Amino acid sequence: MTAPETAPASRAGLFISFEGGDGVGKTTQIARLASSLSGEVVVTREPGGTELGAEIRRLLLHGGHVSPRAEALLYAADRAHHIDTTVRPALERGAVVLTDRYLDSSVAYQGAARSLGAAEVRELSLWATQGLVPDLTILLDADPALARLRTADRGRADRLEREPDAFHTALREQFLALAAAEPQRFIVVDAERGIDEVAQEIAQRTAPALERVGRAGGGA
């Protein structure tokens, strides 16, 4: 049985995840939001937010073939360690935690695009994290064809970026379905626009939650 989801009201800090397909600009927008906040801000990512996570990331993204179920389990293992050692302690200190990917990525990538079952993969992640769910999730949405062009500019693509178009189309559809199912948590942002315009919308739409925990504004 899954542990009960951690209610946002029970945490001192604020937990914000950034989601979307490859090439939508998550890393850039996380940096922009982080630079605008006051107080302690923890910027992290999955996989790779811990020393163990960095090894898991290398295996998943730059290693050889990984079977779909093994892939899902490796992401869950990374997530369990990441939450226990990095995210939850930061939230308890009152930090704002910004993570590049969280459980919704597993639901979309392994649950839908890998056809393992969205509900099953979500349950696995909730068990691994003792039910920790973000206060807000920023979904950066863009046409996979445009996102693919952006990742091509970075050079060598990783194992998931090299998946066929049908995979990335299914991925986008699942992210949008997740957002539609939880509108109180998700903020969907059109990521096909310029960096400044996207950053401005994210700042405006996260401001109420940040103000509630006394962490809005301070930077550019």
Protein backbone atom coordinates (compact mmCIF):
# COMPACT_ATOMS: atom_id res chain seq x y z
CA MET A 1 0.00 0.00 0.00
CA THR A 2 1.21 3.48 -0.83
CA ALA A 3 2.12 5.83 1.99
CA PRO A 4 -0.29 8.78 2.30
CA GLU A 5 0.75 11.74 0.20
CA THR A 6 2.55 14.43 2.18
CA ALA A 7 0.26 17.43 2.49
CA PRO A 8 1.87 20.75 1.50
CA ALA A 9 0.62 22.32 4.76
CA SER A 10 2.81 19.92 6.75
CA ARG A 11 6.04 21.25 5.24
CA ALA A 12 7.99 24.35 6.16
CA GLY A 13 9.45 24.84 2.68
CA LEU A 14 8.05 24.76 -0.86
CA PHE A 15 8.62 21.93 -3.34
CA ILE A 16 8.39 22.81 -7.05
CA SER A 17 9.08 20.33 -9.83
CA PHE A 18 9.71 21.17 -13.49
CA GLU A 19 8.49 18.69 -16.09
CA GLY A 20 8.30 18.31 -19.85
CA GLY A 21 10.00 16.53 -22.71
CA ASP A 22 13.66 16.87 -23.56
CA GLY A 23 14.66 20.26 -24.96
CA VAL A 24 11.82 22.33 -23.50
CA GLY A 25 14.12 24.51 -21.38
CA LYS A 26 13.71 23.16 -17.85
CA THR A 27 17.33 23.78 -16.80
CA THR A 28 17.25 27.37 -18.04
CA GLN A 29 13.94 28.21 -16.41
CA ILE A 30 14.88 26.63 -13.08
CA ALA A 31 18.00 28.81 -13.00
CA ARG A 32 15.95 31.91 -13.81
CA LEU A 33 13.42 31.25 -11.06
CA ALA A 34 16.10 30.32 -8.51
CA SER A 35 17.96 33.58 -9.12
CA SER A 36 14.82 35.59 -8.33
CA LEU A 37 14.12 34.04 -4.92
CA SER A 38 15.14 35.10 -1.44
CA GLY A 39 16.38 32.75 1.28
CA GLU A 40 17.62 29.18 0.83
CA VAL A 41 16.96 27.68 -2.59
CA VAL A 42 17.98 24.12 -3.43
CA VAL A 43 18.30 23.34 -7.13
CA THR A 44 18.48 19.66 -7.94
CA ARG A 45 17.56 17.11 -10.60
CA GLU A 46 16.48 13.54 -11.23
CA PRO A 47 18.33 11.43 -11.82
CA GLY A 48 21.62 12.89 -10.63
CA GLY A 49 20.84 15.04 -7.60
CA THR A 50 23.06 12.93 -5.34
CA GLU A 51 26.31 11.01 -5.71
CA LEU A 52 24.37 7.78 -6.08
CA GLY A 53 22.00 9.51 -8.48
CA ALA A 54 24.89 10.59 -10.70
CA GLU A 55 25.89 6.95 -11.14
CA ILE A 56 22.30 5.94 -11.88
CA ARG A 57 22.04 8.81 -14.38
CA ARG A 58 25.14 7.58 -16.20
CA LEU A 59 23.70 4.08 -16.47
CA LEU A 60 20.27 5.25 -17.59
CA LEU A 61 21.19 7.95 -20.08
CA HIS A 62 24.63 7.02 -21.35
CA GLY A 63 24.91 3.28 -20.84
CA GLY A 64 23.69 0.42 -22.96
CA HIS A 65 20.24 -1.11 -23.25
CA VAL A 66 18.09 -1.04 -20.10
CA SER A 67 14.86 -3.05 -20.04
CA PRO A 68 11.73 -0.95 -19.38
CA ARG A 69 10.98 -2.42 -15.95
CA ALA A 70 14.61 -2.11 -14.86
CA GLU A 71 14.54 1.49 -16.07
CA ALA A 72 11.47 2.25 -13.94
CA LEU A 73 13.04 0.63 -10.88
CA LEU A 74 16.31 2.52 -11.30
CA TYR A 75 14.48 5.84 -11.48
CA ALA A 76 12.51 4.89 -8.36
CA ALA A 77 15.70 3.95 -6.52
CA ASP A 78 17.27 7.29 -7.42
CA ARG A 79 14.11 9.09 -6.30
CA ALA A 80 13.95 7.30 -2.95
CA HIS A 81 17.54 8.26 -2.10
CA HIS A 82 17.17 11.78 -3.49
CA ILE A 83 14.11 12.55 -1.36
CA ASP A 84 15.52 10.99 1.80
CA THR A 85 18.92 12.68 1.66
CA THR A 86 18.36 15.96 -0.19
CA VAL A 87 14.78 17.08 -0.75
CA ARG A 88 12.98 16.27 2.49
CA PRO A 89 15.75 17.69 4.74
CA ALA A 90 15.75 20.91 2.70
CA LEU A 91 11.96 21.25 2.97
CA GLU A 92 12.15 20.71 6.71
CA ARG A 93 14.66 23.58 6.92
CA GLY A 94 12.18 25.81 5.08
CA ALA A 95 14.01 25.89 1.74
CA VAL A 96 12.44 26.26 -1.68
CA VAL A 97 13.37 23.11 -3.61
CA LEU A 98 13.38 23.28 -7.41
CA THR A 99 13.85 19.93 -9.11
CA ASP A 100 14.40 19.18 -12.77
CA ARG A 101 12.02 16.18 -13.07
CA TYR A 102 10.22 14.18 -10.43
CA LEU A 103 7.61 11.42 -10.31
CA ASP A 104 5.52 12.77 -13.20
CA SER A 105 8.45 12.10 -15.52
CA SER A 106 8.40 8.44 -14.54
CA VAL A 107 4.64 8.26 -15.08
CA ALA A 108 5.04 9.82 -18.53
CA TYR A 109 8.25 8.13 -19.70
CA GLN A 110 7.98 4.64 -18.21
CA GLY A 111 4.26 4.49 -17.48
CA ALA A 112 2.96 5.79 -20.81
CA ALA A 113 5.72 5.99 -23.41
CA ARG A 114 7.16 2.63 -22.26
CA SER A 115 3.63 1.22 -21.76
CA LEU A 116 4.28 -0.05 -18.21
CA GLY A 117 1.09 1.51 -16.84
CA ALA A 118 0.80 5.04 -15.50
CA ALA A 119 -0.95 4.01 -12.27
CA GLU A 120 1.59 1.28 -11.48
CA VAL A 121 4.59 3.56 -12.04
CA ARG A 122 3.04 6.34 -9.97
CA GLU A 123 2.41 3.91 -7.11
CA LEU A 124 6.05 2.80 -7.27
CA SER A 125 7.30 6.39 -6.98
CA LEU A 126 4.91 7.24 -4.16
CA TRP A 127 6.06 4.19 -2.24
CA ALA A 128 9.72 5.10 -2.84
CA THR A 129 9.24 8.67 -1.57
CA GLN A 130 6.77 7.94 1.24
CA GLY A 131 4.12 9.86 -0.65
CA LEU A 132 5.94 13.15 -1.22
CA VAL A 133 4.19 15.17 -3.94
CA PRO A 134 5.29 18.66 -5.13
CA ASP A 135 3.36 21.74 -4.06
CA LEU A 136 3.57 22.95 -7.67
CA THR A 137 4.60 21.35 -10.93
CA ILE A 138 5.63 23.55 -13.86
CA LEU A 139 4.97 21.73 -17.12
CA LEU A 140 6.94 23.28 -19.97
CA ASP A 141 5.03 22.22 -23.06
CA ALA A 142 6.44 22.32 -26.60
CA ASP A 143 6.05 20.48 -29.88
CA PRO A 144 8.44 17.50 -29.76
CA ALA A 145 9.78 18.43 -33.21
CA LEU A 146 10.89 21.84 -31.92
CA ALA A 147 12.32 20.33 -28.76
CA ARG A 148 14.28 17.82 -30.85
CA LEU A 149 15.88 20.68 -32.79
CA ARG A 150 16.94 22.29 -29.52
CA THR A 151 18.52 19.09 -28.18
CA ALA A 152 20.33 18.61 -31.51
CA ASP A 153 22.09 21.93 -30.92
CA ARG A 154 23.59 20.52 -27.71
CA GLY A 155 25.50 17.80 -29.54
CA ARG A 156 25.34 14.09 -28.77
CA ALA A 157 21.84 13.02 -27.69
CA ASP A 158 21.35 10.71 -24.71
CA ARG A 159 19.54 7.36 -24.84
CA LEU A 160 16.07 8.80 -24.23
CA GLU A 161 16.54 11.75 -26.57
CA ARG A 162 17.27 9.24 -29.36
CA GLU A 163 13.88 7.56 -29.01
CA PRO A 164 11.59 7.79 -32.11
CA ASP A 165 9.03 10.53 -32.71
CA ALA A 166 6.12 8.33 -31.57
CA PHE A 167 7.74 7.98 -28.14
CA HIS A 168 8.07 11.73 -27.69
CA THR A 169 4.52 12.34 -28.95
CA ALA A 170 3.15 9.85 -26.40
CA LEU A 171 5.26 11.51 -23.75
CA ARG A 172 3.83 14.96 -24.43
CA GLU A 173 0.27 13.63 -24.48
CA GLN A 174 0.75 11.95 -21.11
CA PHE A 175 2.22 15.07 -19.50
CA LEU A 176 -0.78 17.10 -20.68
CA ALA A 177 -3.16 14.42 -19.39
CA LEU A 178 -1.47 14.53 -15.99
CA ALA A 179 -1.80 18.31 -15.90
CA ALA A 180 -5.50 18.11 -16.81
CA ALA A 181 -6.09 15.59 -14.02
CA GLU A 182 -4.43 17.77 -11.34
CA PRO A 183 -5.01 21.42 -12.29
CA GLN A 184 -4.52 22.53 -8.68
CA ARG A 185 -0.89 21.34 -8.79
CA PHE A 186 0.16 21.83 -12.41
CA ILE A 187 0.98 25.08 -14.16
CA VAL A 188 1.18 24.51 -17.93
CA VAL A 189 3.44 26.97 -19.75
CA ASP A 190 3.90 27.33 -23.50
CA ALA A 191 7.63 26.71 -23.86
CA GLU A 192 7.79 27.48 -27.57
CA ARG A 193 8.16 31.19 -26.78
CA GLY A 194 11.30 33.11 -25.90
CA ILE A 195 13.19 32.45 -22.67
CA ASP A 196 12.29 35.82 -21.10
CA GLU A 197 8.59 35.48 -21.85
CA VAL A 198 8.46 31.98 -20.40
CA ALA A 199 10.39 33.06 -17.29
CA GLN A 200 8.04 35.99 -16.73
CA GLU A 201 4.98 33.74 -16.84
CA ILE A 202 6.55 31.25 -14.43
CA ALA A 203 7.42 34.05 -12.01
CA GLN A 204 3.89 35.44 -12.11
CA ARG A 205 2.15 32.10 -11.70
CA THR A 206 4.36 30.83 -8.87
CA ALA A 207 4.26 34.12 -6.94
CA PRO A 208 1.14 33.32 -4.83
CA ALA A 209 2.64 30.06 -3.49
CA LEU A 210 6.01 31.70 -2.87
CA GLU A 211 4.37 34.61 -1.06
CA ARG A 212 2.50 32.19 1.23
CA VAL A 213 5.82 30.87 2.52
CA GLY A 214 7.45 34.32 2.55
CA ARG A 215 9.89 33.53 -0.25
CA ALA A 216 8.89 35.72 -3.18
CA GLY A 217 11.15 38.15 -4.94
CA GLY A 218 14.61 39.45 -4.35
CA GLY A 219 16.34 38.95 -7.65
CA ALA A 220 15.85 39.87 -11.26
